[in-house]
N, C-alpha and C. Protein backbone atom coordinates (compact mmCIF):
# COMPACT_ATOMS: atom_id res chain seq x y z
N MET A 1 -63.22 -5.96 -27.02
CA MET A 1 -61.82 -5.52 -28.15
C MET A 1 -61.35 -4.94 -27.07
N LYS A 2 -61.38 -3.46 -25.68
CA LYS A 2 -61.13 -2.87 -25.56
C LYS A 2 -59.73 -3.58 -23.91
N THR A 3 -60.53 -4.65 -23.69
CA THR A 3 -59.54 -5.79 -23.12
C THR A 3 -57.96 -6.27 -23.85
N ARG A 4 -58.22 -6.44 -25.39
CA ARG A 4 -57.00 -7.26 -25.75
C ARG A 4 -56.80 -5.52 -25.92
N HIS A 5 -56.64 -4.82 -26.08
CA HIS A 5 -55.64 -3.69 -26.42
C HIS A 5 -55.16 -3.65 -25.38
N PHE A 6 -55.59 -3.60 -24.22
CA PHE A 6 -55.24 -3.13 -22.78
C PHE A 6 -53.66 -4.59 -22.36
N SER A 7 -54.20 -6.04 -22.69
CA SER A 7 -53.39 -6.75 -23.09
C SER A 7 -52.00 -6.57 -23.37
N VAL A 8 -52.46 -6.06 -24.85
CA VAL A 8 -51.73 -6.32 -25.97
C VAL A 8 -49.96 -5.15 -25.07
N ILE A 9 -50.79 -3.79 -24.63
CA ILE A 9 -50.35 -2.99 -24.04
C ILE A 9 -48.67 -3.13 -23.36
N CYS A 10 -50.17 -3.78 -21.90
CA CYS A 10 -49.25 -4.65 -20.64
C CYS A 10 -48.40 -5.37 -21.20
N VAL A 11 -48.42 -6.66 -22.35
CA VAL A 11 -47.45 -7.33 -22.94
C VAL A 11 -46.02 -6.60 -23.04
N VAL A 12 -46.33 -5.60 -24.54
CA VAL A 12 -45.49 -4.81 -24.43
C VAL A 12 -43.77 -3.74 -23.59
N ILE A 13 -45.40 -3.00 -22.56
CA ILE A 13 -44.88 -2.67 -21.03
C ILE A 13 -43.59 -3.93 -20.51
N LEU A 14 -43.83 -4.36 -20.88
CA LEU A 14 -43.39 -5.85 -20.01
C LEU A 14 -42.22 -6.13 -20.74
N PHE A 15 -42.39 -6.99 -21.87
CA PHE A 15 -40.79 -6.40 -22.61
C PHE A 15 -40.30 -5.62 -22.69
N VAL A 16 -40.88 -4.06 -22.25
CA VAL A 16 -39.69 -2.84 -23.18
C VAL A 16 -38.80 -3.17 -20.98
N THR A 17 -39.56 -3.51 -19.89
CA THR A 17 -39.17 -3.10 -18.76
C THR A 17 -37.99 -4.48 -18.99
N MET A 18 -38.19 -5.36 -19.42
CA MET A 18 -37.59 -6.70 -18.71
C MET A 18 -36.07 -6.69 -19.62
N PHE A 19 -36.30 -5.82 -21.49
CA PHE A 19 -35.18 -6.05 -21.89
C PHE A 19 -34.43 -5.04 -21.97
N SER A 20 -34.88 -3.48 -20.81
CA SER A 20 -34.13 -2.45 -20.47
C SER A 20 -33.31 -2.83 -19.32
N HIS A 21 -34.07 -3.32 -18.32
CA HIS A 21 -33.24 -4.17 -17.47
C HIS A 21 -32.32 -5.30 -17.73
N VAL A 22 -32.22 -5.84 -19.03
CA VAL A 22 -31.38 -6.99 -19.01
C VAL A 22 -29.71 -5.98 -20.12
N LYS A 23 -30.54 -5.11 -20.54
CA LYS A 23 -29.63 -4.22 -21.26
C LYS A 23 -28.62 -3.64 -20.30
N ALA A 24 -29.57 -2.87 -19.20
CA ALA A 24 -28.26 -2.01 -18.41
C ALA A 24 -26.96 -3.21 -17.59
N GLN A 25 -27.45 -4.19 -17.22
CA GLN A 25 -26.93 -5.34 -16.62
C GLN A 25 -25.54 -5.91 -17.53
N PRO A 26 -25.39 -5.76 -17.78
CA PRO A 26 -23.88 -6.21 -19.02
C PRO A 26 -23.21 -5.22 -19.06
N THR A 27 -23.30 -3.73 -19.05
CA THR A 27 -22.06 -2.60 -18.47
C THR A 27 -21.13 -3.17 -17.89
N ALA A 28 -21.13 -3.96 -16.55
CA ALA A 28 -20.35 -4.06 -15.43
C ALA A 28 -19.72 -4.96 -15.79
N ASP A 29 -20.08 -6.25 -16.79
CA ASP A 29 -20.08 -7.62 -16.83
C ASP A 29 -19.19 -6.90 -17.84
N ASN A 30 -19.59 -6.01 -19.02
CA ASN A 30 -18.38 -6.02 -20.14
C ASN A 30 -16.83 -4.93 -19.89
N LYS A 31 -17.63 -4.39 -18.60
CA LYS A 31 -15.62 -3.36 -18.10
C LYS A 31 -14.94 -4.67 -17.66
N GLU A 32 -15.65 -5.58 -17.02
CA GLU A 32 -14.76 -6.70 -16.52
C GLU A 32 -14.39 -7.31 -17.23
N ASP A 33 -14.79 -7.88 -18.70
CA ASP A 33 -14.27 -9.26 -19.28
C ASP A 33 -12.99 -8.08 -20.72
N ALA A 34 -13.47 -6.45 -20.66
CA ALA A 34 -12.66 -5.26 -21.15
C ALA A 34 -11.42 -5.54 -20.56
N ARG A 35 -11.13 -5.28 -18.89
CA ARG A 35 -9.91 -5.42 -18.47
C ARG A 35 -9.65 -6.72 -18.61
N ILE A 36 -10.00 -7.89 -18.38
CA ILE A 36 -9.57 -9.11 -18.59
C ILE A 36 -8.89 -9.29 -19.57
N PHE A 37 -9.71 -8.83 -20.82
CA PHE A 37 -8.96 -9.13 -22.04
C PHE A 37 -7.48 -8.23 -22.13
N VAL A 38 -7.77 -7.16 -21.56
CA VAL A 38 -6.36 -6.53 -21.27
C VAL A 38 -5.08 -6.69 -21.27
N GLN A 39 -6.10 -7.21 -19.39
CA GLN A 39 -4.62 -8.35 -19.21
C GLN A 39 -4.23 -9.24 -19.72
N LYS A 40 -5.07 -9.94 -20.26
CA LYS A 40 -4.84 -11.29 -21.05
C LYS A 40 -3.72 -10.74 -22.02
N PHE A 41 -4.14 -9.73 -22.61
CA PHE A 41 -3.08 -9.54 -23.52
C PHE A 41 -1.40 -8.71 -23.11
N TYR A 42 -1.35 -8.36 -22.25
CA TYR A 42 -0.38 -7.33 -21.94
C TYR A 42 0.44 -8.81 -20.79
N ASP A 43 -0.43 -9.76 -19.93
CA ASP A 43 0.52 -10.91 -19.46
C ASP A 43 1.29 -11.53 -20.47
N TRP A 44 0.49 -12.02 -21.73
CA TRP A 44 1.96 -12.69 -23.05
C TRP A 44 2.41 -11.49 -23.87
N TYR A 45 1.86 -9.90 -23.63
CA TYR A 45 3.31 -9.22 -23.93
C TYR A 45 4.26 -9.26 -23.24
N GLY A 46 4.49 -9.01 -22.02
CA GLY A 46 4.86 -9.05 -20.80
C GLY A 46 6.07 -9.71 -20.81
N ALA A 47 5.97 -10.91 -20.96
CA ALA A 47 6.67 -12.87 -21.28
C ALA A 47 7.54 -12.33 -22.28
N LEU A 48 6.79 -11.95 -23.86
CA LEU A 48 6.98 -11.56 -24.78
C LEU A 48 8.26 -10.62 -25.19
N ASP A 49 8.07 -9.45 -24.30
CA ASP A 49 9.00 -8.58 -23.82
C ASP A 49 9.95 -8.51 -23.34
N ALA A 50 10.00 -9.47 -22.12
CA ALA A 50 11.41 -10.27 -21.31
C ALA A 50 12.05 -11.02 -22.01
N ALA A 51 11.59 -11.67 -23.06
CA ALA A 51 12.48 -13.03 -23.59
C ALA A 51 12.98 -12.30 -24.56
N TYR A 52 13.35 -10.65 -25.09
CA TYR A 52 13.51 -10.55 -26.30
C TYR A 52 14.78 -10.16 -26.39
N LYS A 53 15.66 -10.07 -27.43
CA LYS A 53 16.67 -10.56 -27.41
C LYS A 53 17.27 -9.37 -28.64
N PRO A 54 18.43 -8.52 -28.84
CA PRO A 54 18.42 -7.69 -29.82
C PRO A 54 18.60 -8.15 -31.52
N HIS A 55 19.05 -9.30 -31.79
CA HIS A 55 19.04 -10.17 -32.61
C HIS A 55 17.45 -10.77 -32.96
N GLN A 56 16.45 -10.50 -32.54
CA GLN A 56 15.02 -10.87 -32.54
C GLN A 56 14.16 -10.04 -32.72
N ILE A 57 12.88 -10.15 -33.86
CA ILE A 57 11.98 -9.32 -34.15
C ILE A 57 11.64 -8.74 -32.84
N ALA A 58 11.78 -7.60 -32.98
CA ALA A 58 11.15 -6.51 -32.04
C ALA A 58 9.73 -7.03 -31.58
N PRO A 59 8.99 -6.70 -30.31
CA PRO A 59 8.08 -7.43 -29.56
C PRO A 59 6.88 -6.71 -30.11
N PHE A 60 7.23 -5.46 -30.53
CA PHE A 60 5.69 -4.77 -31.31
C PHE A 60 5.72 -4.69 -32.88
N ARG A 61 6.88 -5.78 -33.16
CA ARG A 61 6.41 -6.03 -34.16
C ARG A 61 5.74 -7.08 -34.33
N VAL A 62 6.05 -8.17 -33.67
CA VAL A 62 5.44 -9.65 -33.19
C VAL A 62 4.32 -9.77 -33.07
N VAL A 63 3.84 -8.48 -32.53
CA VAL A 63 2.43 -8.29 -32.13
C VAL A 63 1.24 -8.61 -33.25
N VAL A 64 2.15 -7.72 -34.27
CA VAL A 64 1.14 -7.56 -35.68
C VAL A 64 0.86 -8.49 -36.33
N ASN A 65 2.43 -9.36 -36.10
CA ASN A 65 1.95 -11.33 -36.96
C ASN A 65 1.34 -12.35 -36.24
N LYS A 66 1.65 -12.34 -34.50
CA LYS A 66 0.92 -12.91 -34.07
C LYS A 66 -0.66 -12.78 -33.35
N ARG A 67 -0.92 -11.61 -33.66
CA ARG A 67 -1.92 -11.45 -32.48
C ARG A 67 -2.83 -10.12 -33.42
N ALA A 68 -2.87 -10.53 -34.97
CA ALA A 68 -3.50 -8.95 -35.59
C ALA A 68 -4.98 -9.29 -35.31
N ALA A 69 -5.64 -10.13 -35.21
CA ALA A 69 -7.08 -10.20 -35.03
C ALA A 69 -7.44 -9.68 -33.73
N ASP A 70 -6.38 -9.31 -32.96
CA ASP A 70 -7.10 -9.20 -31.79
C ASP A 70 -6.49 -7.34 -31.93
N ILE A 71 -6.04 -6.65 -33.09
CA ILE A 71 -6.11 -5.53 -33.30
C ILE A 71 -6.75 -4.66 -34.37
N ASP A 72 -7.78 -3.90 -33.92
CA ASP A 72 -9.09 -2.95 -34.62
C ASP A 72 -8.62 -3.02 -35.91
N VAL A 73 -9.01 -2.58 -36.95
CA VAL A 73 -8.49 -2.15 -38.72
C VAL A 73 -7.73 -1.09 -38.55
N PRO A 74 -8.38 0.09 -38.09
CA PRO A 74 -7.97 1.25 -38.55
C PRO A 74 -6.08 1.22 -37.44
N LEU A 75 -6.13 0.55 -36.34
CA LEU A 75 -4.71 0.94 -35.71
C LEU A 75 -3.79 -0.56 -37.05
N ARG A 76 -4.43 -1.28 -36.83
CA ARG A 76 -3.19 -2.36 -37.93
C ARG A 76 -3.12 -1.79 -39.22
N ASN A 77 -3.85 -0.45 -39.57
CA ASN A 77 -3.37 -0.41 -41.05
C ASN A 77 -2.57 0.75 -40.68
N ALA A 78 -2.87 1.45 -39.89
CA ALA A 78 -1.18 2.29 -39.45
C ALA A 78 -0.45 1.84 -39.17
N ILE A 79 -0.42 0.43 -38.37
CA ILE A 79 0.98 0.16 -37.89
C ILE A 79 1.70 -1.02 -38.83
N MET A 80 0.75 -1.46 -39.98
CA MET A 80 1.81 -2.02 -40.79
C MET A 80 1.89 -1.15 -41.87
N HIS A 81 1.55 0.59 -42.36
CA HIS A 81 2.16 1.54 -43.19
C HIS A 81 3.21 1.36 -42.32
N TYR A 82 3.08 1.67 -40.95
CA TYR A 82 4.94 1.98 -40.44
C TYR A 82 5.54 1.04 -40.37
N PHE A 83 5.24 -0.01 -41.00
CA PHE A 83 6.12 -1.15 -40.93
C PHE A 83 6.50 -0.87 -42.03
N ASN A 84 5.99 -0.95 -43.04
CA ASN A 84 6.07 -1.53 -44.68
C ASN A 84 6.47 0.27 -45.15
N SER A 85 6.76 1.22 -44.42
CA SER A 85 7.65 2.05 -44.88
C SER A 85 8.47 2.37 -44.23
N SER A 86 9.01 1.45 -42.62
CA SER A 86 10.75 1.87 -42.18
C SER A 86 11.37 0.34 -43.09
N LEU A 87 10.39 -0.29 -43.68
CA LEU A 87 11.24 -1.42 -45.01
C LEU A 87 11.68 -0.88 -45.63
N LYS A 88 11.22 0.18 -46.37
CA LYS A 88 11.47 0.95 -47.30
C LYS A 88 12.48 2.21 -47.05
N GLY A 89 13.20 1.54 -46.22
CA GLY A 89 14.43 2.65 -45.35
C GLY A 89 14.00 4.48 -44.89
N ALA A 90 12.79 4.54 -44.57
CA ALA A 90 12.40 5.99 -43.83
C ALA A 90 12.68 5.64 -42.35
N ASP A 91 12.66 6.86 -42.36
CA ASP A 91 13.17 6.57 -40.74
C ASP A 91 12.47 5.65 -40.21
N MET A 92 12.94 5.72 -39.14
CA MET A 92 11.79 4.56 -38.05
C MET A 92 10.83 5.07 -37.32
N GLY A 93 11.05 6.78 -37.23
CA GLY A 93 9.96 7.63 -36.27
C GLY A 93 9.71 6.86 -34.57
N LEU A 94 9.56 6.27 -34.26
CA LEU A 94 9.63 5.20 -33.02
C LEU A 94 10.20 5.36 -32.05
N ASP A 95 11.34 6.02 -30.82
CA ASP A 95 12.13 5.23 -30.51
C ASP A 95 12.27 4.79 -29.12
N PHE A 96 10.85 3.80 -28.97
CA PHE A 96 9.76 3.09 -27.85
C PHE A 96 9.32 2.34 -28.04
N ASP A 97 9.12 1.58 -27.15
CA ASP A 97 8.17 0.43 -27.95
C ASP A 97 6.75 0.85 -27.17
N PRO A 98 5.87 1.39 -27.58
CA PRO A 98 4.37 1.70 -27.72
C PRO A 98 3.12 0.78 -27.13
N ILE A 99 3.56 -0.24 -27.35
CA ILE A 99 2.87 -1.16 -26.14
C ILE A 99 2.70 -1.23 -24.82
N ILE A 100 4.25 -0.61 -24.65
CA ILE A 100 4.75 -0.44 -22.95
C ILE A 100 5.10 0.66 -22.42
N ALA A 101 5.25 1.36 -23.59
CA ALA A 101 5.18 2.66 -23.04
C ALA A 101 6.58 3.19 -22.91
N ALA A 102 7.68 2.60 -23.34
CA ALA A 102 8.99 2.53 -22.92
C ALA A 102 10.18 1.92 -23.82
N GLN A 103 11.69 2.25 -23.12
CA GLN A 103 11.94 2.04 -24.32
C GLN A 103 13.35 0.37 -23.96
N ASP A 104 12.87 0.44 -22.16
CA ASP A 104 13.28 -0.52 -21.94
C ASP A 104 12.35 -1.97 -21.36
N THR A 105 12.24 -3.09 -21.07
CA THR A 105 12.02 -3.85 -20.49
C THR A 105 10.99 -3.50 -19.57
N ARG A 106 10.02 -3.87 -19.06
CA ARG A 106 9.13 -4.22 -17.60
C ARG A 106 8.93 -5.11 -16.72
N SER A 107 8.80 -4.43 -15.65
CA SER A 107 8.73 -5.60 -14.95
C SER A 107 7.31 -6.72 -15.10
N GLY A 108 6.72 -5.55 -15.37
CA GLY A 108 4.91 -6.20 -15.27
C GLY A 108 4.20 -5.30 -15.67
N PHE A 109 3.14 -5.69 -15.54
CA PHE A 109 1.73 -5.11 -15.77
C PHE A 109 0.63 -5.20 -15.04
N GLN A 110 -0.06 -4.40 -14.90
CA GLN A 110 -1.41 -4.86 -13.74
C GLN A 110 -2.96 -3.97 -14.22
N THR A 111 -4.08 -4.25 -14.74
CA THR A 111 -4.86 -3.85 -15.20
C THR A 111 -5.35 -3.16 -14.11
N GLY A 112 -5.79 -1.65 -14.16
CA GLY A 112 -6.94 -1.36 -13.06
C GLY A 112 -7.98 -0.66 -13.37
N ASP A 113 -8.04 0.86 -13.42
CA ASP A 113 -9.72 1.15 -13.89
C ASP A 113 -10.03 1.14 -15.23
N VAL A 114 -11.38 1.18 -15.48
CA VAL A 114 -11.76 1.02 -16.12
C VAL A 114 -12.87 2.02 -16.52
N LYS A 115 -13.02 2.35 -17.82
CA LYS A 115 -14.39 3.87 -18.40
C LYS A 115 -14.73 3.04 -19.48
N GLN A 116 -16.14 3.52 -19.46
CA GLN A 116 -16.93 3.25 -20.63
C GLN A 116 -16.52 4.34 -21.39
N LYS A 117 -16.51 4.68 -22.38
CA LYS A 117 -17.55 5.83 -23.51
C LYS A 117 -18.12 5.75 -24.69
N GLY A 118 -19.19 5.45 -24.95
CA GLY A 118 -19.69 4.99 -25.77
C GLY A 118 -20.16 3.24 -26.05
N ASN A 119 -19.36 2.50 -27.18
CA ASN A 119 -19.17 1.61 -27.43
C ASN A 119 -17.89 1.02 -26.12
N ASN A 120 -16.89 1.56 -26.26
CA ASN A 120 -15.25 1.63 -26.26
C ASN A 120 -15.32 2.04 -25.04
N PHE A 121 -14.13 1.11 -24.14
CA PHE A 121 -13.36 1.16 -23.18
C PHE A 121 -12.10 1.72 -22.70
N PHE A 122 -11.56 1.96 -21.78
CA PHE A 122 -10.78 2.73 -21.63
C PHE A 122 -9.97 1.87 -20.26
N VAL A 123 -8.92 1.01 -20.23
CA VAL A 123 -8.34 0.43 -19.58
C VAL A 123 -7.04 0.95 -18.89
N ASP A 124 -7.01 1.15 -17.44
CA ASP A 124 -5.68 1.88 -17.01
C ASP A 124 -4.08 0.61 -17.02
N VAL A 125 -3.37 0.72 -17.44
CA VAL A 125 -2.08 0.07 -17.03
C VAL A 125 -1.42 0.45 -16.51
N HIS A 126 -0.57 -0.22 -15.68
CA HIS A 126 0.35 0.29 -14.42
C HIS A 126 1.54 -0.17 -14.16
N ASP A 127 2.33 -0.33 -13.58
CA ASP A 127 4.14 -1.08 -14.31
C ASP A 127 3.37 -1.10 -12.67
N ILE A 128 3.80 -2.98 -13.32
CA ILE A 128 4.51 -3.45 -11.44
C ILE A 128 5.80 -3.10 -11.39
N LYS A 129 6.25 -2.50 -10.37
CA LYS A 129 7.39 -2.26 -10.22
C LYS A 129 8.79 -4.03 -9.58
N SER A 130 9.88 -3.64 -9.78
CA SER A 130 10.47 -5.39 -9.70
C SER A 130 10.15 -5.53 -7.92
N GLY A 131 9.68 -6.93 -7.94
CA GLY A 131 10.21 -7.34 -6.45
C GLY A 131 8.58 -7.39 -5.97
N ALA A 132 7.52 -6.29 -6.47
CA ALA A 132 6.12 -5.71 -5.97
C ALA A 132 5.13 -6.86 -6.20
N PRO A 133 4.24 -7.13 -5.26
CA PRO A 133 3.52 -8.53 -5.84
C PRO A 133 1.89 -7.83 -6.90
N GLN A 134 1.93 -9.05 -7.50
CA GLN A 134 1.69 -8.65 -8.87
C GLN A 134 -0.32 -7.70 -9.10
N LYS A 135 -0.53 -8.12 -7.23
CA LYS A 135 -1.71 -7.59 -7.05
C LYS A 135 -1.88 -6.05 -6.86
N SER A 136 -0.70 -5.90 -6.47
CA SER A 136 -0.04 -3.89 -6.21
C SER A 136 -0.46 -3.22 -7.07
N ILE A 137 -0.65 -2.36 -7.51
CA ILE A 137 -0.42 -1.10 -8.96
C ILE A 137 0.14 -0.25 -7.79
N SER A 138 1.06 0.31 -9.07
CA SER A 138 2.18 1.24 -8.56
C SER A 138 1.52 2.38 -9.45
N ALA A 139 1.71 3.71 -8.33
CA ALA A 139 1.63 5.29 -8.74
C ALA A 139 1.31 5.08 -10.48
N GLU A 140 2.63 4.49 -10.87
CA GLU A 140 2.76 5.20 -11.98
C GLU A 140 2.18 4.49 -13.09
N LEU A 141 1.15 4.92 -13.92
CA LEU A 141 0.09 4.58 -15.13
C LEU A 141 0.52 4.95 -16.08
N ILE A 142 1.01 3.60 -17.29
CA ILE A 142 1.97 3.74 -17.98
C ILE A 142 0.85 4.13 -19.31
N LEU A 143 0.00 3.54 -19.10
CA LEU A 143 -0.72 3.99 -20.62
C LEU A 143 -2.01 4.18 -20.41
N THR A 144 -3.13 4.39 -21.11
CA THR A 144 -4.91 3.72 -20.75
C THR A 144 -5.19 2.81 -22.70
N VAL A 145 -5.16 1.80 -22.29
CA VAL A 145 -5.72 1.06 -23.69
C VAL A 145 -7.13 1.36 -23.90
N GLU A 146 -7.53 1.48 -25.13
CA GLU A 146 -8.58 1.68 -25.27
C GLU A 146 -9.31 0.54 -26.35
N VAL A 147 -10.02 -0.10 -26.22
CA VAL A 147 -11.18 -1.61 -26.33
C VAL A 147 -12.14 -1.25 -26.86
N SER A 148 -12.60 -1.95 -27.68
CA SER A 148 -13.97 -2.48 -27.92
C SER A 148 -14.40 -3.30 -28.73
N LYS A 149 -15.55 -4.27 -28.56
CA LYS A 149 -15.96 -5.74 -28.99
C LYS A 149 -16.35 -4.98 -29.87
N ILE A 150 -15.70 -5.83 -31.36
CA ILE A 150 -16.23 -5.90 -32.69
C ILE A 150 -17.02 -7.31 -32.89
N ASN A 151 -17.96 -7.52 -33.49
CA ASN A 151 -18.73 -8.95 -33.89
C ASN A 151 -17.85 -9.28 -33.42
N GLY A 152 -18.46 -9.25 -31.78
CA GLY A 152 -18.45 -10.08 -30.81
C GLY A 152 -16.71 -10.41 -30.29
N GLN A 153 -15.97 -9.96 -30.60
CA GLN A 153 -14.50 -10.24 -30.24
C GLN A 153 -13.77 -8.93 -29.47
N TRP A 154 -12.91 -8.79 -29.08
CA TRP A 154 -12.49 -7.71 -28.41
C TRP A 154 -11.25 -7.35 -29.39
N GLU A 155 -11.39 -6.62 -29.51
CA GLU A 155 -9.88 -5.20 -30.09
C GLU A 155 -9.77 -4.02 -29.63
N LEU A 156 -7.98 -4.36 -29.77
CA LEU A 156 -7.01 -3.18 -29.33
C LEU A 156 -7.42 -2.03 -29.86
N VAL A 157 -7.60 -0.49 -29.98
CA VAL A 157 -8.26 0.27 -30.82
C VAL A 157 -7.16 1.27 -30.65
N ASN A 158 -7.20 1.38 -29.15
CA ASN A 158 -5.69 2.89 -29.49
C ASN A 158 -5.23 2.44 -28.21
N PHE A 159 -3.44 2.72 -28.25
CA PHE A 159 -2.84 3.26 -26.81
C PHE A 159 -2.49 4.50 -26.56
N ILE A 160 -3.08 4.96 -25.76
CA ILE A 160 -3.23 6.36 -25.03
C ILE A 160 -1.80 6.70 -24.08
N TYR A 161 -1.36 7.85 -24.39
CA TYR A 161 -0.63 7.75 -22.99
C TYR A 161 -0.45 8.85 -22.28
N PRO A 162 0.16 8.70 -20.56
CA PRO A 162 -0.72 10.27 -20.25
C PRO A 162 0.19 11.22 -20.23
N PRO A 163 -0.39 12.70 -20.04
CA PRO A 163 0.29 13.54 -19.93
C PRO A 163 1.69 13.66 -19.62
N SER A 164 1.98 12.31 -18.53
CA SER A 164 3.06 12.44 -18.11
C SER A 164 3.94 11.80 -18.99
N ASN A 165 4.07 11.23 -20.01
CA ASN A 165 4.23 10.64 -21.24
C ASN A 165 4.45 10.96 -22.42
N GLY A 166 4.03 12.36 -22.72
CA GLY A 166 3.40 13.08 -24.27
C GLY A 166 1.98 12.74 -23.61
N GLY A 167 1.41 12.98 -23.24
CA GLY A 167 -0.32 12.97 -23.77
C GLY A 167 -0.73 12.71 -25.23
N SER A 168 -0.26 11.16 -25.78
CA SER A 168 -0.57 12.00 -26.80
C SER A 168 -1.00 10.32 -27.56
N ASN A 169 -0.75 9.50 -28.58
CA ASN A 169 -2.06 8.03 -28.47
C ASN A 169 -1.48 7.70 -29.53
N LEU A 170 -1.02 6.28 -29.47
CA LEU A 170 -0.55 5.42 -30.91
C LEU A 170 -0.93 5.23 -32.10
N LEU A 171 -1.89 5.86 -32.73
CA LEU A 171 -2.72 6.09 -33.79
C LEU A 171 -2.33 7.47 -34.43
N MET A 172 -2.29 8.27 -33.70
CA MET A 172 -1.75 9.68 -33.73
C MET A 172 -0.59 9.84 -33.86
N ILE A 173 0.11 9.18 -33.49
CA ILE A 173 1.45 9.23 -33.95
C ILE A 173 1.94 8.68 -34.83
N LEU A 174 1.02 7.27 -35.17
CA LEU A 174 1.60 6.50 -36.59
C LEU A 174 0.99 7.50 -37.85
N ASN A 175 0.31 7.56 -37.44
CA ASN A 175 -0.69 9.27 -38.35
C ASN A 175 0.50 10.22 -39.05
N ASN A 176 0.61 10.46 -38.05
CA ASN A 176 1.61 11.94 -38.00
C ASN A 176 2.65 11.19 -38.83
N PHE A 177 3.22 9.99 -38.34
CA PHE A 177 4.24 9.74 -39.13
C PHE A 177 4.44 9.11 -40.67
N ALA A 178 3.01 8.90 -40.91
CA ALA A 178 2.71 8.81 -42.66
C ALA A 178 2.49 9.70 -42.97
N LYS A 179 2.24 10.99 -42.43
CA LYS A 179 2.17 11.92 -43.12
C LYS A 179 3.12 12.49 -43.24
N ASP A 180 4.05 12.65 -42.24
CA ASP A 180 5.41 12.89 -42.70
C ASP A 180 5.99 12.32 -43.48
N ASN A 181 6.46 10.97 -43.16
CA ASN A 181 6.72 10.30 -44.88
C ASN A 181 6.22 10.43 -46.46
N ASP A 182 5.02 10.45 -45.91
CA ASP A 182 4.34 11.01 -47.85
C ASP A 182 5.03 12.08 -48.01
N LYS A 183 5.00 13.10 -47.00
CA LYS A 183 5.27 14.67 -47.90
C LYS A 183 7.38 14.32 -48.23
N THR A 184 7.74 13.46 -47.51
CA THR A 184 9.19 13.45 -47.74
C THR A 184 9.91 12.77 -49.33
N ALA A 185 8.53 11.44 -49.61
CA ALA A 185 8.84 10.76 -50.85
C ALA A 185 7.95 11.85 -51.81
N SER A 186 7.71 12.49 -51.20
CA SER A 186 7.04 13.03 -52.76
C SER A 186 8.28 14.55 -52.85
N LYS A 187 9.14 14.57 -51.92
CA LYS A 187 9.55 15.82 -52.62
C LYS A 187 11.01 15.21 -53.50
């Protein structure tokens, strides 16, 4: 009987050891997957932004129409509330494209460092200066994109701006806009 308990304990220890090793491994893979997801998003968005003409729907609005599944629900809801308020005549509030943190089109985008906090990943996005090779990352950090894997799919959680660019984030800006708009509407 003691031999049987010893065997069961050994098997349990073996499984714990195996699964603890497997669990530790995907972090590097997840970081790279997060970086690739953000890079592909910016490759798509950069082409959309570069082709934008003033009479067309703004690229930021197109994201919600074409890539809604790539946006986490709280951010998507905040964006939709912002657009719905804007359609009702409220002051637009944003005077820049929050996806590229600029008023004008940028030359291109290159992802950089990826940091993980809990289940979320923070991917730095840099501006590629005109004429610079795709792989060279300029010193200018445009923003950091927060992503998370939700139900097996990567989703954009937030866009975080560096201190040199206001030090805020898109979710906070949109929520503040909603609060201000609600106060104005209730007067």
